[in-house]
Amino acid sequence: MGVEGKTYAPVTSVIEPDGVAAFARAIGADAADGVPPTFAAVYSLGTTAPQLFGDAEAAIDFAHLLHADQEFEWERHPTIGQTVVSQGRVVSDISRRGMRFITFETQTKSGDGEGICRSRALFVIRS
């Protein structure tokens, strides 16, 4: 166990208008204002975390997982219809006192390589 430093393959996705509209409605925002900042949970973390969770080497015990923290840092917000590329990596994988702490970071860029955002999540897994 222990996958600190592991980088996963880039994931390409498109900021779809229907997805943005549904997300905006769910959080009480207006899709006419553009892509909500927290939509990064979909195109950044949401596209890359499944790679970590499905990685046999990482051996994530999903039944005991707590999503303890989440932060985003933006260079700019994407636009509807834009293609983005997100790539996740395990920043740290530490075990102590019967718990495992995994810090997972995702960098998201536009299709032409321009920075969009960085997502950083902390997952705590009880033994």
N, C-alpha and C. Protein backbone atom coordinates (compact mmCIF):
# COMPACT_ATOMS: atom_id res chain seq x y z
N MET A 1 0.85 -1.18 0.00
CA MET A 1 0.00 0.00 0.00
C MET A 1 0.89 1.23 0.00
N GLY A 2 0.41 2.33 -0.49
CA GLY A 2 1.15 3.57 -0.54
C GLY A 2 1.44 3.94 -1.97
N VAL A 3 0.76 4.95 -2.45
CA VAL A 3 0.91 5.35 -3.85
C VAL A 3 1.34 6.81 -3.98
N GLU A 4 1.98 7.32 -2.93
CA GLU A 4 2.45 8.71 -2.97
C GLU A 4 3.30 8.93 -4.21
N GLY A 5 3.00 10.03 -4.92
CA GLY A 5 3.74 10.38 -6.13
C GLY A 5 3.16 9.81 -7.41
N LYS A 6 2.19 8.92 -7.31
CA LYS A 6 1.61 8.31 -8.51
C LYS A 6 0.78 9.34 -9.28
N THR A 7 1.00 9.39 -10.59
CA THR A 7 0.25 10.28 -11.48
C THR A 7 -0.59 9.42 -12.41
N TYR A 8 -1.82 9.82 -12.60
CA TYR A 8 -2.74 9.09 -13.46
C TYR A 8 -2.83 9.73 -14.84
N ALA A 9 -3.36 8.99 -15.79
CA ALA A 9 -3.48 9.47 -17.17
C ALA A 9 -4.41 10.67 -17.24
N PRO A 10 -4.12 11.61 -18.14
CA PRO A 10 -5.02 12.77 -18.31
C PRO A 10 -6.40 12.32 -18.80
N VAL A 11 -7.41 13.07 -18.37
CA VAL A 11 -8.80 12.80 -18.76
C VAL A 11 -9.33 14.04 -19.46
N THR A 12 -9.83 13.86 -20.67
CA THR A 12 -10.39 14.96 -21.45
C THR A 12 -11.91 14.96 -21.31
N SER A 13 -12.47 16.14 -21.09
CA SER A 13 -13.93 16.26 -21.01
C SER A 13 -14.34 17.60 -21.61
N VAL A 14 -15.62 17.71 -21.87
CA VAL A 14 -16.19 18.94 -22.43
C VAL A 14 -17.15 19.53 -21.41
N ILE A 15 -17.09 20.83 -21.22
CA ILE A 15 -18.02 21.52 -20.32
C ILE A 15 -19.35 21.62 -21.06
N GLU A 16 -20.24 20.68 -20.78
CA GLU A 16 -21.52 20.55 -21.50
C GLU A 16 -22.56 21.52 -20.93
N PRO A 17 -23.32 22.20 -21.80
CA PRO A 17 -24.32 23.16 -21.33
C PRO A 17 -25.38 22.53 -20.43
N ASP A 18 -25.84 21.32 -20.76
CA ASP A 18 -26.88 20.68 -19.94
C ASP A 18 -26.36 20.37 -18.54
N GLY A 19 -25.13 19.90 -18.45
CA GLY A 19 -24.53 19.59 -17.16
C GLY A 19 -24.35 20.84 -16.31
N VAL A 20 -23.91 21.93 -16.96
CA VAL A 20 -23.74 23.20 -16.24
C VAL A 20 -25.09 23.71 -15.75
N ALA A 21 -26.11 23.63 -16.61
CA ALA A 21 -27.44 24.12 -16.24
C ALA A 21 -28.00 23.32 -15.06
N ALA A 22 -27.86 21.99 -15.11
CA ALA A 22 -28.37 21.15 -14.01
C ALA A 22 -27.62 21.44 -12.72
N PHE A 23 -26.31 21.59 -12.80
CA PHE A 23 -25.50 21.89 -11.62
C PHE A 23 -25.89 23.25 -11.05
N ALA A 24 -26.03 24.24 -11.92
CA ALA A 24 -26.40 25.59 -11.47
C ALA A 24 -27.75 25.57 -10.75
N ARG A 25 -28.73 24.86 -11.32
CA ARG A 25 -30.05 24.74 -10.67
C ARG A 25 -29.91 24.10 -9.29
N ALA A 26 -29.09 23.05 -9.20
CA ALA A 26 -28.94 22.31 -7.94
C ALA A 26 -28.35 23.17 -6.82
N ILE A 27 -27.54 24.16 -7.19
CA ILE A 27 -26.92 25.00 -6.15
C ILE A 27 -27.58 26.38 -6.05
N GLY A 28 -28.65 26.59 -6.81
CA GLY A 28 -29.38 27.86 -6.75
C GLY A 28 -28.70 28.98 -7.52
N ALA A 29 -27.89 28.63 -8.51
CA ALA A 29 -27.21 29.63 -9.33
C ALA A 29 -27.92 29.74 -10.68
N ASP A 30 -27.56 30.73 -11.44
CA ASP A 30 -28.13 30.95 -12.76
C ASP A 30 -27.09 30.57 -13.81
N ALA A 31 -27.42 29.57 -14.64
CA ALA A 31 -26.49 29.12 -15.67
C ALA A 31 -26.14 30.22 -16.66
N ALA A 32 -27.00 31.23 -16.76
CA ALA A 32 -26.72 32.36 -17.66
C ALA A 32 -25.50 33.15 -17.20
N ASP A 33 -25.12 32.96 -15.92
CA ASP A 33 -23.93 33.65 -15.40
C ASP A 33 -22.64 32.92 -15.76
N GLY A 34 -22.75 31.78 -16.45
CA GLY A 34 -21.57 31.02 -16.84
C GLY A 34 -21.39 29.78 -15.96
N VAL A 35 -20.23 29.18 -16.09
CA VAL A 35 -19.92 27.96 -15.35
C VAL A 35 -19.69 28.31 -13.87
N PRO A 36 -20.50 27.75 -12.95
CA PRO A 36 -20.29 28.05 -11.53
C PRO A 36 -18.89 27.57 -11.08
N PRO A 37 -18.23 28.33 -10.22
CA PRO A 37 -16.89 27.93 -9.77
C PRO A 37 -16.83 26.51 -9.21
N THR A 38 -17.85 26.11 -8.45
CA THR A 38 -17.82 24.80 -7.83
C THR A 38 -18.10 23.66 -8.81
N PHE A 39 -18.39 23.99 -10.07
CA PHE A 39 -18.53 22.96 -11.10
C PHE A 39 -17.19 22.25 -11.33
N ALA A 40 -16.12 22.82 -10.80
CA ALA A 40 -14.80 22.16 -10.86
C ALA A 40 -14.86 20.79 -10.19
N ALA A 41 -15.79 20.60 -9.26
CA ALA A 41 -15.96 19.29 -8.64
C ALA A 41 -16.34 18.24 -9.68
N VAL A 42 -16.93 18.67 -10.79
CA VAL A 42 -17.34 17.76 -11.86
C VAL A 42 -16.20 17.55 -12.86
N TYR A 43 -15.68 18.63 -13.44
CA TYR A 43 -14.71 18.48 -14.53
C TYR A 43 -13.28 18.26 -14.06
N SER A 44 -12.99 18.53 -12.80
CA SER A 44 -11.62 18.35 -12.29
C SER A 44 -11.56 17.10 -11.40
N LEU A 45 -12.08 17.20 -10.20
CA LEU A 45 -12.03 16.07 -9.27
C LEU A 45 -12.91 14.91 -9.75
N GLY A 46 -14.09 15.22 -10.25
CA GLY A 46 -15.03 14.17 -10.63
C GLY A 46 -14.57 13.28 -11.78
N THR A 47 -13.67 13.78 -12.60
CA THR A 47 -13.17 12.96 -13.71
C THR A 47 -11.91 12.19 -13.36
N THR A 48 -11.19 12.63 -12.32
CA THR A 48 -9.92 11.99 -12.00
C THR A 48 -9.96 11.09 -10.77
N ALA A 49 -10.77 11.42 -9.79
CA ALA A 49 -10.83 10.61 -8.56
C ALA A 49 -11.21 9.15 -8.84
N PRO A 50 -12.09 8.86 -9.82
CA PRO A 50 -12.39 7.46 -10.09
C PRO A 50 -11.15 6.63 -10.47
N GLN A 51 -10.14 7.28 -11.04
CA GLN A 51 -8.90 6.56 -11.35
C GLN A 51 -8.23 6.09 -10.05
N LEU A 52 -8.16 6.97 -9.07
CA LEU A 52 -7.59 6.62 -7.78
C LEU A 52 -8.42 5.54 -7.10
N PHE A 53 -9.74 5.74 -7.06
CA PHE A 53 -10.62 4.80 -6.36
C PHE A 53 -10.62 3.42 -7.01
N GLY A 54 -10.40 3.35 -8.32
CA GLY A 54 -10.40 2.08 -9.02
C GLY A 54 -9.02 1.44 -9.16
N ASP A 55 -8.01 2.07 -8.59
CA ASP A 55 -6.62 1.60 -8.70
C ASP A 55 -6.36 0.51 -7.66
N ALA A 56 -6.13 -0.72 -8.13
CA ALA A 56 -5.88 -1.83 -7.21
C ALA A 56 -4.64 -1.58 -6.35
N GLU A 57 -3.64 -0.93 -6.91
CA GLU A 57 -2.43 -0.63 -6.15
C GLU A 57 -2.72 0.35 -5.00
N ALA A 58 -3.64 1.29 -5.22
CA ALA A 58 -4.00 2.25 -4.17
C ALA A 58 -4.82 1.59 -3.07
N ALA A 59 -5.58 0.56 -3.43
CA ALA A 59 -6.37 -0.23 -2.46
C ALA A 59 -7.21 0.65 -1.54
N ILE A 60 -8.03 1.51 -2.15
CA ILE A 60 -8.91 2.40 -1.38
C ILE A 60 -10.09 1.59 -0.84
N ASP A 61 -10.26 1.60 0.46
CA ASP A 61 -11.40 0.93 1.10
C ASP A 61 -12.55 1.95 1.11
N PHE A 62 -13.33 1.92 0.04
CA PHE A 62 -14.37 2.93 -0.16
C PHE A 62 -15.41 2.93 0.96
N ALA A 63 -15.66 1.79 1.56
CA ALA A 63 -16.65 1.70 2.63
C ALA A 63 -16.22 2.47 3.87
N HIS A 64 -14.93 2.74 4.01
CA HIS A 64 -14.41 3.45 5.18
C HIS A 64 -13.82 4.82 4.82
N LEU A 65 -14.15 5.31 3.64
CA LEU A 65 -13.58 6.56 3.15
C LEU A 65 -14.41 7.78 3.57
N LEU A 66 -13.72 8.80 4.01
CA LEU A 66 -14.34 10.09 4.33
C LEU A 66 -13.66 11.14 3.47
N HIS A 67 -14.45 11.90 2.71
CA HIS A 67 -13.92 13.02 1.95
C HIS A 67 -13.82 14.19 2.93
N ALA A 68 -12.63 14.38 3.48
CA ALA A 68 -12.45 15.28 4.61
C ALA A 68 -12.26 16.74 4.23
N ASP A 69 -11.70 17.02 3.06
CA ASP A 69 -11.41 18.41 2.70
C ASP A 69 -11.36 18.53 1.19
N GLN A 70 -11.70 19.71 0.70
CA GLN A 70 -11.66 19.99 -0.74
C GLN A 70 -11.37 21.46 -0.93
N GLU A 71 -10.45 21.76 -1.83
CA GLU A 71 -10.20 23.17 -2.16
C GLU A 71 -9.90 23.28 -3.65
N PHE A 72 -10.20 24.46 -4.18
CA PHE A 72 -9.94 24.75 -5.58
C PHE A 72 -9.20 26.07 -5.66
N GLU A 73 -8.33 26.16 -6.62
CA GLU A 73 -7.61 27.40 -6.91
C GLU A 73 -7.69 27.60 -8.42
N TRP A 74 -8.21 28.76 -8.83
CA TRP A 74 -8.45 28.98 -10.25
C TRP A 74 -7.46 29.98 -10.85
N GLU A 75 -7.05 29.69 -12.08
CA GLU A 75 -6.35 30.69 -12.88
C GLU A 75 -7.40 31.45 -13.69
N ARG A 76 -8.41 30.71 -14.11
CA ARG A 76 -9.58 31.29 -14.78
C ARG A 76 -10.67 30.22 -14.80
N HIS A 77 -11.89 30.62 -15.09
CA HIS A 77 -12.99 29.66 -15.15
C HIS A 77 -13.18 29.21 -16.60
N PRO A 78 -13.57 27.96 -16.80
CA PRO A 78 -13.82 27.48 -18.17
C PRO A 78 -15.12 28.07 -18.71
N THR A 79 -15.32 27.90 -19.99
CA THR A 79 -16.54 28.36 -20.63
C THR A 79 -17.35 27.15 -21.10
N ILE A 80 -18.63 27.35 -21.25
CA ILE A 80 -19.50 26.28 -21.74
C ILE A 80 -19.04 25.90 -23.14
N GLY A 81 -18.93 24.59 -23.38
CA GLY A 81 -18.50 24.06 -24.66
C GLY A 81 -17.00 23.84 -24.76
N GLN A 82 -16.26 24.33 -23.78
CA GLN A 82 -14.80 24.21 -23.81
C GLN A 82 -14.35 22.80 -23.47
N THR A 83 -13.30 22.35 -24.14
CA THR A 83 -12.66 21.08 -23.82
C THR A 83 -11.60 21.34 -22.76
N VAL A 84 -11.60 20.51 -21.71
CA VAL A 84 -10.60 20.63 -20.65
C VAL A 84 -9.92 19.28 -20.44
N VAL A 85 -8.70 19.34 -19.95
CA VAL A 85 -7.92 18.13 -19.69
C VAL A 85 -7.48 18.18 -18.22
N SER A 86 -7.85 17.15 -17.47
CA SER A 86 -7.53 17.08 -16.04
C SER A 86 -6.62 15.88 -15.78
N GLN A 87 -5.63 16.09 -14.91
CA GLN A 87 -4.72 15.01 -14.56
C GLN A 87 -4.52 14.99 -13.05
N GLY A 88 -4.75 13.82 -12.46
CA GLY A 88 -4.65 13.67 -11.00
C GLY A 88 -3.36 13.00 -10.58
N ARG A 89 -2.93 13.34 -9.37
CA ARG A 89 -1.76 12.68 -8.78
C ARG A 89 -1.93 12.62 -7.27
N VAL A 90 -1.32 11.60 -6.68
CA VAL A 90 -1.35 11.44 -5.24
C VAL A 90 -0.18 12.23 -4.67
N VAL A 91 -0.49 13.30 -3.94
CA VAL A 91 0.53 14.16 -3.36
C VAL A 91 1.14 13.49 -2.13
N SER A 92 0.29 12.87 -1.31
CA SER A 92 0.80 12.16 -0.13
C SER A 92 -0.14 11.01 0.21
N ASP A 93 0.45 10.00 0.84
CA ASP A 93 -0.27 8.81 1.27
C ASP A 93 0.37 8.38 2.58
N ILE A 94 -0.26 8.78 3.69
CA ILE A 94 0.32 8.60 5.02
C ILE A 94 -0.64 7.79 5.89
N SER A 95 -0.09 6.84 6.63
CA SER A 95 -0.90 6.07 7.58
C SER A 95 -0.41 6.37 8.99
N ARG A 96 -1.38 6.62 9.88
CA ARG A 96 -1.06 6.80 11.30
C ARG A 96 -2.31 6.59 12.14
N ARG A 97 -2.08 6.00 13.31
CA ARG A 97 -3.15 5.77 14.29
C ARG A 97 -4.39 5.09 13.69
N GLY A 98 -4.17 4.12 12.84
CA GLY A 98 -5.27 3.36 12.29
C GLY A 98 -6.04 4.07 11.19
N MET A 99 -5.48 5.15 10.69
CA MET A 99 -6.13 5.86 9.59
C MET A 99 -5.12 6.15 8.49
N ARG A 100 -5.63 6.23 7.29
CA ARG A 100 -4.82 6.52 6.11
C ARG A 100 -5.28 7.87 5.57
N PHE A 101 -4.33 8.74 5.28
CA PHE A 101 -4.61 10.09 4.78
C PHE A 101 -4.03 10.22 3.38
N ILE A 102 -4.90 10.41 2.40
CA ILE A 102 -4.45 10.56 1.01
C ILE A 102 -4.80 11.95 0.53
N THR A 103 -3.78 12.68 0.10
CA THR A 103 -4.00 13.99 -0.51
C THR A 103 -3.89 13.79 -2.02
N PHE A 104 -4.96 14.16 -2.72
CA PHE A 104 -5.07 13.94 -4.16
C PHE A 104 -5.25 15.30 -4.84
N GLU A 105 -4.40 15.59 -5.79
CA GLU A 105 -4.43 16.88 -6.47
C GLU A 105 -4.67 16.68 -7.96
N THR A 106 -5.47 17.55 -8.53
CA THR A 106 -5.75 17.51 -9.97
C THR A 106 -5.44 18.87 -10.58
N GLN A 107 -4.71 18.85 -11.67
CA GLN A 107 -4.47 20.06 -12.47
C GLN A 107 -5.37 19.99 -13.69
N THR A 108 -6.09 21.06 -13.96
CA THR A 108 -6.96 21.11 -15.13
C THR A 108 -6.51 22.26 -16.03
N LYS A 109 -6.39 21.93 -17.33
CA LYS A 109 -5.98 22.91 -18.33
C LYS A 109 -6.97 22.88 -19.48
N SER A 110 -6.95 23.94 -20.26
CA SER A 110 -7.78 23.97 -21.47
C SER A 110 -7.17 23.01 -22.49
N GLY A 111 -7.90 22.73 -23.54
CA GLY A 111 -7.41 21.85 -24.60
C GLY A 111 -6.12 22.34 -25.21
N ASP A 112 -5.87 23.64 -25.15
CA ASP A 112 -4.62 24.18 -25.72
C ASP A 112 -3.54 24.41 -24.66
N GLY A 113 -3.76 23.86 -23.45
CA GLY A 113 -2.73 23.89 -22.42
C GLY A 113 -2.75 25.05 -21.45
N GLU A 114 -3.72 25.95 -21.58
CA GLU A 114 -3.82 27.10 -20.67
C GLU A 114 -4.39 26.64 -19.33
N GLY A 115 -3.78 27.07 -18.22
CA GLY A 115 -4.22 26.67 -16.89
C GLY A 115 -5.63 27.12 -16.58
N ILE A 116 -6.40 26.25 -15.94
CA ILE A 116 -7.76 26.58 -15.51
C ILE A 116 -7.85 26.52 -13.99
N CYS A 117 -7.58 25.34 -13.40
CA CYS A 117 -7.67 25.25 -11.94
C CYS A 117 -6.85 24.10 -11.39
N ARG A 118 -6.68 24.16 -10.08
CA ARG A 118 -6.06 23.07 -9.32
C ARG A 118 -7.07 22.67 -8.26
N SER A 119 -7.29 21.37 -8.16
CA SER A 119 -8.18 20.81 -7.15
C SER A 119 -7.32 20.01 -6.18
N ARG A 120 -7.61 20.14 -4.89
CA ARG A 120 -6.86 19.38 -3.88
C ARG A 120 -7.87 18.81 -2.89
N ALA A 121 -7.82 17.49 -2.71
CA ALA A 121 -8.75 16.81 -1.81
C ALA A 121 -7.99 15.97 -0.80
N LEU A 122 -8.56 15.86 0.38
CA LEU A 122 -8.02 14.99 1.41
C LEU A 122 -9.03 13.90 1.67
N PHE A 123 -8.59 12.65 1.52
CA PHE A 123 -9.41 11.50 1.80
C PHE A 123 -8.84 10.79 3.03
N VAL A 124 -9.70 10.49 3.99
CA VAL A 124 -9.29 9.77 5.20
C VAL A 124 -9.98 8.42 5.16
N ILE A 125 -9.19 7.36 5.33
CA ILE A 125 -9.74 6.02 5.30
C ILE A 125 -9.43 5.33 6.62
N ARG A 126 -10.50 4.94 7.32
CA ARG A 126 -10.33 4.22 8.60
C ARG A 126 -9.92 2.78 8.33
N SER A 127 -9.08 2.26 9.18
CA SER A 127 -8.67 0.84 9.05
C SER A 127 -9.76 -0.09 9.55
